[in-house]
Amino acid sequence: MILECARAGATKTGLMYKAYLSYAQVTEYLQYLQQNDLLAYEQGTQLYRPSEKGFKFLSLSSDLNELMAVPNSKFSLNNQ
């Protein structure tokens, strides 16, 4: 959720509100994402943005979600 919210650039406070996280949570997650090169902090603008690796992760995550989506009609009670 943090990577998705930071797609267009976001401040730490903005990420807290958009991702519904506390200050302690967002601080911990930002540190983790930066250590794993998924998120970058821009000093001049003071914004967080996904890195190239972060954008690739978002793309792959989206692809996986599409693959796992199950049409409702498959499990409908009418089709038993």
C-alpha atoms as a PDB file:
ATOM      1  CA  MET A   1       0.000   0.000   0.000  1.00  0.00           C
ATOM      2  CA  ILE A   2       2.883   2.376   0.789  1.00  0.00           C
ATOM      3  CA  LEU A   3       4.463   1.828  -2.618  1.00  0.00           C
ATOM      4  CA  GLU A   4       1.147   2.398  -4.342  1.00  0.00           C
ATOM      5  CA  CYS A   5       0.497   5.585  -2.357  1.00  0.00           C
ATOM      6  CA  ALA A   6       4.008   6.867  -3.132  1.00  0.00           C
ATOM      7  CA  ARG A   7       3.652   6.238  -6.873  1.00  0.00           C
ATOM      8  CA  ALA A   8       3.266   9.960  -7.661  1.00  0.00           C
ATOM      9  CA  GLY A   9       5.434  11.055  -4.718  1.00  0.00           C
ATOM     10  CA  ALA A  10       4.297  11.496  -1.135  1.00  0.00           C
ATOM     11  CA  THR A  11       5.513  12.879   2.157  1.00  0.00           C
ATOM     12  CA  LYS A  12       5.782  10.726   5.262  1.00  0.00           C
ATOM     13  CA  THR A  13       2.627  12.341   6.650  1.00  0.00           C
ATOM     14  CA  GLY A  14       0.794  11.779   3.380  1.00  0.00           C
ATOM     15  CA  LEU A  15       1.757   8.115   3.409  1.00  0.00           C
ATOM     16  CA  MET A  16       0.567   7.784   7.005  1.00  0.00           C
ATOM     17  CA  TYR A  17      -2.893   9.060   6.110  1.00  0.00           C
ATOM     18  CA  LYS A  18      -3.233   7.311   2.752  1.00  0.00           C
ATOM     19  CA  ALA A  19      -2.070   3.929   4.069  1.00  0.00           C
ATOM     20  CA  TYR A  20      -3.833   4.293   7.469  1.00  0.00           C
ATOM     21  CA  LEU A  21      -0.643   3.786   9.479  1.00  0.00           C
ATOM     22  CA  SER A  22       0.664   5.239  12.715  1.00  0.00           C
ATOM     23  CA  TYR A  23       3.874   7.262  12.785  1.00  0.00           C
ATOM     24  CA  ALA A  24       5.800   4.322  14.278  1.00  0.00           C
ATOM     25  CA  GLN A  25       4.469   1.930  11.639  1.00  0.00           C
ATOM     26  CA  VAL A  26       5.181   4.177   8.666  1.00  0.00           C
ATOM     27  CA  THR A  27       8.695   4.908   9.966  1.00  0.00           C
ATOM     28  CA  GLU A  28       9.460   1.198  10.296  1.00  0.00           C
ATOM     29  CA  TYR A  29       8.024   0.330   6.874  1.00  0.00           C
ATOM     30  CA  LEU A  30       9.799   3.214   5.143  1.00  0.00           C
ATOM     31  CA  GLN A  31      13.102   2.068   6.595  1.00  0.00           C
ATOM     32  CA  TYR A  32      12.459  -1.504   5.416  1.00  0.00           C
ATOM     33  CA  LEU A  33      11.426  -0.413   1.909  1.00  0.00           C
ATOM     34  CA  GLN A  34      14.468   1.843   1.565  1.00  0.00           C
ATOM     35  CA  GLN A  35      16.873  -0.850   2.798  1.00  0.00           C
ATOM     36  CA  ASN A  36      15.488  -3.201   0.156  1.00  0.00           C
ATOM     37  CA  ASP A  37      15.751  -0.575  -2.621  1.00  0.00           C
ATOM     38  CA  LEU A  38      12.000  -0.454  -3.211  1.00  0.00           C
ATOM     39  CA  LEU A  39      11.507   3.155  -2.148  1.00  0.00           C
ATOM     40  CA  ALA A  40      13.650   6.270  -2.584  1.00  0.00           C
ATOM     41  CA  TYR A  41      13.595   9.549  -0.671  1.00  0.00           C
ATOM     42  CA  GLU A  42      14.183  12.760  -2.629  1.00  0.00           C
ATOM     43  CA  GLN A  43      16.006  15.289  -0.452  1.00  0.00           C
ATOM     44  CA  GLY A  44      15.051  18.360  -2.499  1.00  0.00           C
ATOM     45  CA  THR A  45      11.316  17.702  -2.666  1.00  0.00           C
ATOM     46  CA  GLN A  46      11.177  15.672   0.573  1.00  0.00           C
ATOM     47  CA  LEU A  47       9.029  13.089  -1.180  1.00  0.00           C
ATOM     48  CA  TYR A  48       9.129   9.318  -1.182  1.00  0.00           C
ATOM     49  CA  ARG A  49       8.803   7.583  -4.554  1.00  0.00           C
ATOM     50  CA  PRO A  50       9.096   3.954  -5.622  1.00  0.00           C
ATOM     51  CA  SER A  51      12.470   3.094  -7.108  1.00  0.00           C
ATOM     52  CA  GLU A  52      12.773   1.204 -10.392  1.00  0.00           C
ATOM     53  CA  LYS A  53      12.724  -1.999  -8.349  1.00  0.00           C
ATOM     54  CA  GLY A  54       9.662  -0.710  -6.475  1.00  0.00           C
ATOM     55  CA  PHE A  55       7.780  -0.038  -9.721  1.00  0.00           C
ATOM     56  CA  LYS A  56       8.685  -3.523 -10.939  1.00  0.00           C
ATOM     57  CA  PHE A  57       7.356  -4.975  -7.678  1.00  0.00           C
ATOM     58  CA  LEU A  58       4.077  -3.036  -8.097  1.00  0.00           C
ATOM     59  CA  SER A  59       3.723  -4.314 -11.646  1.00  0.00           C
ATOM     60  CA  LEU A  60       4.392  -7.936 -10.692  1.00  0.00           C
ATOM     61  CA  SER A  61       2.046  -7.658  -7.718  1.00  0.00           C
ATOM     62  CA  SER A  62      -0.701  -6.355  -9.990  1.00  0.00           C
ATOM     63  CA  ASP A  63      -0.112  -9.220 -12.437  1.00  0.00           C
ATOM     64  CA  LEU A  64      -0.363 -11.763  -9.613  1.00  0.00           C
ATOM     65  CA  ASN A  65      -3.590 -10.209  -8.348  1.00  0.00           C
ATOM     66  CA  GLU A  66      -5.080 -10.509 -11.826  1.00  0.00           C
ATOM     67  CA  LEU A  67      -4.050 -14.162 -12.074  1.00  0.00           C
ATOM     68  CA  MET A  68      -5.582 -14.940  -8.702  1.00  0.00           C
ATOM     69  CA  ALA A  69      -8.871 -13.173  -9.419  1.00  0.00           C
ATOM     70  CA  VAL A  70     -11.653 -15.729  -9.603  1.00  0.00           C
ATOM     71  CA  PRO A  71     -14.789 -14.916 -11.583  1.00  0.00           C
ATOM     72  CA  ASN A  72     -17.870 -14.930  -9.344  1.00  0.00           C
ATOM     73  CA  SER A  73     -19.795 -17.181 -11.737  1.00  0.00           C
ATOM     74  CA  LYS A  74     -17.384 -20.072 -11.145  1.00  0.00           C
ATOM     75  CA  PHE A  75     -18.366 -20.398  -7.516  1.00  0.00           C
ATOM     76  CA  SER A  76     -21.950 -19.310  -7.774  1.00  0.00           C
ATOM     77  CA  LEU A  77     -24.526 -21.473  -5.970  1.00  0.00           C
ATOM     78  CA  ASN A  78     -26.493 -21.715  -9.230  1.00  0.00           C
ATOM     79  CA  ASN A  79     -23.669 -23.609 -10.947  1.00  0.00           C
ATOM     80  CA  GLN A  80     -23.531 -26.577  -8.565  1.00  0.00           C
END
